[in-house]
């Protein structure tokens, strides 16, 4: 029997332009590249037009974090010549936090993409399970175990 597979990232051709968001011309080149990469790696219906500005801020924050990381780990270093912490460290920290927060809101994180586990009810306990938990054994199993292990 043939198996049918459902996909959620295909679109029926209706003659309309693609429904994926397009990067605005006002974005810096690196932020625009991040925008294109993010939009092209998610399903077609993932983003709505209302997500445009939020996605732009995410791409800008990600670009700033990358630039600050390049400065920190490049020639500038984490500490400058006077022994003070580089100002790029603060820029990297703020941009990384902003990008992380926006990634969650845009459903780009692993936890945002996975479906939540179904809540299940535990099955009823059997009489034997209850007896074992209550320790109501008539066969003297605890004492016998202690004798066998050399403790009694």
C-alpha atoms as a PDB file:
ATOM      1  CA  UNK A   1       0.000   0.000   0.000  1.00  0.00           C
ATOM      2  CA  UNK A   2       1.366   3.432  -0.924  1.00  0.00           C
ATOM      3  CA  UNK A   3       2.277   5.746   1.925  1.00  0.00           C
ATOM      4  CA  UNK A   4       1.103   9.313   1.767  1.00  0.00           C
ATOM      5  CA  UNK A   5       3.432  11.945   3.132  1.00  0.00           C
ATOM      6  CA  UNK A   6       2.231  15.298   4.343  1.00  0.00           C
ATOM      7  CA  UNK A   7       4.459  18.309   3.914  1.00  0.00           C
ATOM      8  CA  UNK A   8       3.840  21.749   5.236  1.00  0.00           C
ATOM      9  CA  UNK A   9       6.410  23.650   3.248  1.00  0.00           C
ATOM     10  CA  UNK A  10       4.995  23.327  -0.256  1.00  0.00           C
ATOM     11  CA  UNK A  11       2.743  25.883  -1.857  1.00  0.00           C
ATOM     12  CA  UNK A  12       0.212  25.459  -4.598  1.00  0.00           C
ATOM     13  CA  UNK A  13       1.073  27.576  -7.599  1.00  0.00           C
ATOM     14  CA  UNK A  14      -1.599  30.215  -7.934  1.00  0.00           C
ATOM     15  CA  UNK A  15       0.270  32.749 -10.062  1.00  0.00           C
ATOM     16  CA  UNK A  16       0.873  35.012  -7.074  1.00  0.00           C
ATOM     17  CA  UNK A  17       4.359  35.969  -5.968  1.00  0.00           C
ATOM     18  CA  UNK A  18       5.904  33.933  -3.175  1.00  0.00           C
ATOM     19  CA  UNK A  19       4.455  34.381   0.279  1.00  0.00           C
ATOM     20  CA  UNK A  20       7.867  34.358   1.935  1.00  0.00           C
ATOM     21  CA  UNK A  21       9.016  37.653   3.405  1.00  0.00           C
ATOM     22  CA  UNK A  22      11.566  39.634   1.419  1.00  0.00           C
ATOM     23  CA  UNK A  23      14.401  41.636   2.975  1.00  0.00           C
ATOM     24  CA  UNK A  24      13.931  45.397   2.851  1.00  0.00           C
ATOM     25  CA  UNK A  25      16.532  47.488   1.054  1.00  0.00           C
ATOM     26  CA  UNK A  26      17.304  49.464   4.227  1.00  0.00           C
ATOM     27  CA  UNK A  27      19.027  46.477   5.882  1.00  0.00           C
ATOM     28  CA  UNK A  28      22.822  46.373   5.988  1.00  0.00           C
ATOM     29  CA  UNK A  29      24.384  43.694   3.737  1.00  0.00           C
ATOM     30  CA  UNK A  30      25.187  41.255   6.583  1.00  0.00           C
ATOM     31  CA  UNK A  31      21.748  41.686   8.169  1.00  0.00           C
ATOM     32  CA  UNK A  32      20.164  41.156   4.739  1.00  0.00           C
ATOM     33  CA  UNK A  33      22.120  37.909   4.291  1.00  0.00           C
ATOM     34  CA  UNK A  34      20.926  36.705   7.708  1.00  0.00           C
ATOM     35  CA  UNK A  35      17.349  37.658   6.777  1.00  0.00           C
ATOM     36  CA  UNK A  36      17.512  35.641   3.549  1.00  0.00           C
ATOM     37  CA  UNK A  37      19.082  32.646   5.319  1.00  0.00           C
ATOM     38  CA  UNK A  38      16.451  32.598   8.080  1.00  0.00           C
ATOM     39  CA  UNK A  39      13.474  33.017   5.748  1.00  0.00           C
ATOM     40  CA  UNK A  40      14.733  30.394   3.316  1.00  0.00           C
ATOM     41  CA  UNK A  41      15.321  27.806   6.072  1.00  0.00           C
ATOM     42  CA  UNK A  42      11.795  27.809   7.509  1.00  0.00           C
ATOM     43  CA  UNK A  43       8.485  26.656   6.079  1.00  0.00           C
ATOM     44  CA  UNK A  44       6.735  29.025   3.699  1.00  0.00           C
ATOM     45  CA  UNK A  45       3.935  29.850   6.134  1.00  0.00           C
ATOM     46  CA  UNK A  46       6.174  30.299   9.180  1.00  0.00           C
ATOM     47  CA  UNK A  47       6.317  34.097   9.071  1.00  0.00           C
ATOM     48  CA  UNK A  48       3.436  36.490   8.584  1.00  0.00           C
ATOM     49  CA  UNK A  49       3.754  40.052   7.228  1.00  0.00           C
ATOM     50  CA  UNK A  50       3.356  41.304  10.811  1.00  0.00           C
ATOM     51  CA  UNK A  51       6.645  39.536  11.689  1.00  0.00           C
ATOM     52  CA  UNK A  52       8.652  41.665   9.228  1.00  0.00           C
ATOM     53  CA  UNK A  53       9.892  44.338  11.661  1.00  0.00           C
ATOM     54  CA  UNK A  54      10.632  41.829  14.410  1.00  0.00           C
ATOM     55  CA  UNK A  55      12.612  39.709  11.973  1.00  0.00           C
ATOM     56  CA  UNK A  56      14.535  42.792  10.832  1.00  0.00           C
ATOM     57  CA  UNK A  57      15.497  43.593  14.455  1.00  0.00           C
ATOM     58  CA  UNK A  58      16.592  39.976  14.933  1.00  0.00           C
ATOM     59  CA  UNK A  59      18.820  40.115  11.854  1.00  0.00           C
ATOM     60  CA  UNK A  60      20.328  43.435  12.916  1.00  0.00           C
ATOM     61  CA  UNK A  61      21.047  42.141  16.427  1.00  0.00           C
ATOM     62  CA  UNK A  62      22.594  38.976  15.011  1.00  0.00           C
ATOM     63  CA  UNK A  63      24.780  41.022  12.655  1.00  0.00           C
ATOM     64  CA  UNK A  64      25.943  43.291  15.505  1.00  0.00           C
ATOM     65  CA  UNK A  65      26.724  40.247  17.669  1.00  0.00           C
ATOM     66  CA  UNK A  66      28.786  38.739  14.849  1.00  0.00           C
ATOM     67  CA  UNK A  67      30.663  42.003  14.286  1.00  0.00           C
ATOM     68  CA  UNK A  68      31.372  42.391  18.023  1.00  0.00           C
ATOM     69  CA  UNK A  69      32.558  38.783  18.243  1.00  0.00           C
ATOM     70  CA  UNK A  70      34.915  39.351  15.313  1.00  0.00           C
ATOM     71  CA  UNK A  71      36.374  42.392  17.087  1.00  0.00           C
ATOM     72  CA  UNK A  72      36.647  40.584  20.433  1.00  0.00           C
ATOM     73  CA  UNK A  73      38.286  37.462  19.082  1.00  0.00           C
ATOM     74  CA  UNK A  74      40.249  39.261  16.387  1.00  0.00           C
ATOM     75  CA  UNK A  75      42.971  41.833  16.882  1.00  0.00           C
ATOM     76  CA  UNK A  76      41.266  43.923  19.601  1.00  0.00           C
ATOM     77  CA  UNK A  77      40.970  41.205  22.235  1.00  0.00           C
ATOM     78  CA  UNK A  78      38.785  41.052  25.310  1.00  0.00           C
ATOM     79  CA  UNK A  79      40.918  43.453  27.344  1.00  0.00           C
ATOM     80  CA  UNK A  80      42.451  46.593  25.859  1.00  0.00           C
ATOM     81  CA  UNK A  81      46.005  47.859  26.485  1.00  0.00           C
ATOM     82  CA  UNK A  82      44.980  49.809  29.606  1.00  0.00           C
ATOM     83  CA  UNK A  83      43.565  46.649  31.203  1.00  0.00           C
ATOM     84  CA  UNK A  84      39.918  47.618  30.773  1.00  0.00           C
ATOM     85  CA  UNK A  85      37.259  45.357  29.325  1.00  0.00           C
ATOM     86  CA  UNK A  86      36.696  46.053  25.652  1.00  0.00           C
ATOM     87  CA  UNK A  87      33.517  48.018  24.804  1.00  0.00           C
ATOM     88  CA  UNK A  88      32.837  45.343  22.183  1.00  0.00           C
ATOM     89  CA  UNK A  89      32.146  42.908  25.019  1.00  0.00           C
ATOM     90  CA  UNK A  90      29.127  44.933  26.153  1.00  0.00           C
ATOM     91  CA  UNK A  91      27.947  45.304  22.551  1.00  0.00           C
ATOM     92  CA  UNK A  92      28.247  41.540  22.035  1.00  0.00           C
ATOM     93  CA  UNK A  93      26.404  40.747  25.274  1.00  0.00           C
ATOM     94  CA  UNK A  94      23.489  43.082  24.553  1.00  0.00           C
ATOM     95  CA  UNK A  95      23.168  42.020  20.913  1.00  0.00           C
ATOM     96  CA  UNK A  96      23.304  38.317  21.821  1.00  0.00           C
ATOM     97  CA  UNK A  97      20.588  38.699  24.464  1.00  0.00           C
ATOM     98  CA  UNK A  98      18.417  40.655  22.058  1.00  0.00           C
ATOM     99  CA  UNK A  99      18.872  38.082  19.287  1.00  0.00           C
ATOM    100  CA  UNK A 100      18.106  35.227  21.692  1.00  0.00           C
ATOM    101  CA  UNK A 101      14.916  36.887  22.914  1.00  0.00           C
ATOM    102  CA  UNK A 102      13.735  37.698  19.393  1.00  0.00           C
ATOM    103  CA  UNK A 103      14.563  34.183  18.171  1.00  0.00           C
ATOM    104  CA  UNK A 104      12.136  32.771  20.745  1.00  0.00           C
ATOM    105  CA  UNK A 105       9.418  35.204  19.736  1.00  0.00           C
ATOM    106  CA  UNK A 106       9.926  34.374  16.067  1.00  0.00           C
ATOM    107  CA  UNK A 107       9.786  30.627  16.860  1.00  0.00           C
ATOM    108  CA  UNK A 108      13.335  30.031  15.638  1.00  0.00           C
ATOM    109  CA  UNK A 109      14.593  28.172  18.710  1.00  0.00           C
ATOM    110  CA  UNK A 110      14.463  24.417  19.164  1.00  0.00           C
ATOM    111  CA  UNK A 111      12.071  24.676  22.114  1.00  0.00           C
ATOM    112  CA  UNK A 112       9.737  26.924  20.131  1.00  0.00           C
ATOM    113  CA  UNK A 113       9.670  24.549  17.149  1.00  0.00           C
ATOM    114  CA  UNK A 114       8.996  21.303  19.006  1.00  0.00           C
ATOM    115  CA  UNK A 115       5.466  20.400  19.870  1.00  0.00           C
ATOM    116  CA  UNK A 116       4.634  20.185  23.525  1.00  0.00           C
ATOM    117  CA  UNK A 117       4.297  16.770  25.092  1.00  0.00           C
ATOM    118  CA  UNK A 118       0.795  15.495  25.553  1.00  0.00           C
ATOM    119  CA  UNK A 119      -0.221  15.407  29.191  1.00  0.00           C
ATOM    120  CA  UNK A 120      -0.967  11.876  30.248  1.00  0.00           C
ATOM    121  CA  UNK A 121      -2.748  10.482  33.249  1.00  0.00           C
ATOM    122  CA  UNK A 122      -0.939   7.737  35.146  1.00  0.00           C
ATOM    123  CA  UNK A 123      -2.595   4.343  34.934  1.00  0.00           C
ATOM    124  CA  UNK A 124      -4.251   2.905  38.003  1.00  0.00           C
ATOM    125  CA  UNK A 125      -1.966   1.020  40.364  1.00  0.00           C
ATOM    126  CA  UNK A 126      -2.585  -2.668  40.828  1.00  0.00           C
ATOM    127  CA  UNK A 127      -3.276  -4.169  44.229  1.00  0.00           C
ATOM    128  CA  UNK A 128       0.155  -5.810  44.187  1.00  0.00           C
ATOM    129  CA  UNK A 129       1.896  -2.498  43.480  1.00  0.00           C
ATOM    130  CA  UNK A 130       0.061  -0.888  46.404  1.00  0.00           C
ATOM    131  CA  UNK A 131       0.996  -3.802  48.682  1.00  0.00           C
ATOM    132  CA  UNK A 132       4.638  -3.441  47.723  1.00  0.00           C
ATOM    133  CA  UNK A 133       4.620   0.303  48.328  1.00  0.00           C
ATOM    134  CA  UNK A 134       2.876  -0.023  51.685  1.00  0.00           C
ATOM    135  CA  UNK A 135       5.251  -2.765  52.740  1.00  0.00           C
ATOM    136  CA  UNK A 136       2.384  -5.019  53.793  1.00  0.00           C
ATOM    137  CA  UNK A 137       4.095  -8.343  53.116  1.00  0.00           C
ATOM    138  CA  UNK A 138       3.005 -11.368  55.082  1.00  0.00           C
ATOM    139  CA  UNK A 139       5.827 -13.537  53.823  1.00  0.00           C
ATOM    140  CA  UNK A 140       8.503 -11.717  55.835  1.00  0.00           C
ATOM    141  CA  UNK A 141      10.369 -10.740  52.687  1.00  0.00           C
ATOM    142  CA  UNK A 142      12.355  -7.921  54.301  1.00  0.00           C
ATOM    143  CA  UNK A 143      13.805 -10.105  57.038  1.00  0.00           C
ATOM    144  CA  UNK A 144      14.550 -12.905  54.608  1.00  0.00           C
ATOM    145  CA  UNK A 145      16.381 -10.497  52.308  1.00  0.00           C
ATOM    146  CA  UNK A 146      18.436  -9.224  55.218  1.00  0.00           C
ATOM    147  CA  UNK A 147      19.437 -12.769  56.242  1.00  0.00           C
ATOM    148  CA  UNK A 148      20.442 -13.663  52.726  1.00  0.00           C
ATOM    149  CA  UNK A 149      22.610 -10.542  52.400  1.00  0.00           C
ATOM    150  CA  UNK A 150      24.292 -11.203  55.733  1.00  0.00           C
ATOM    151  CA  UNK A 151      22.596  -8.333  57.588  1.00  0.00           C
ATOM    152  CA  UNK A 152      20.231  -9.301  60.357  1.00  0.00           C
END
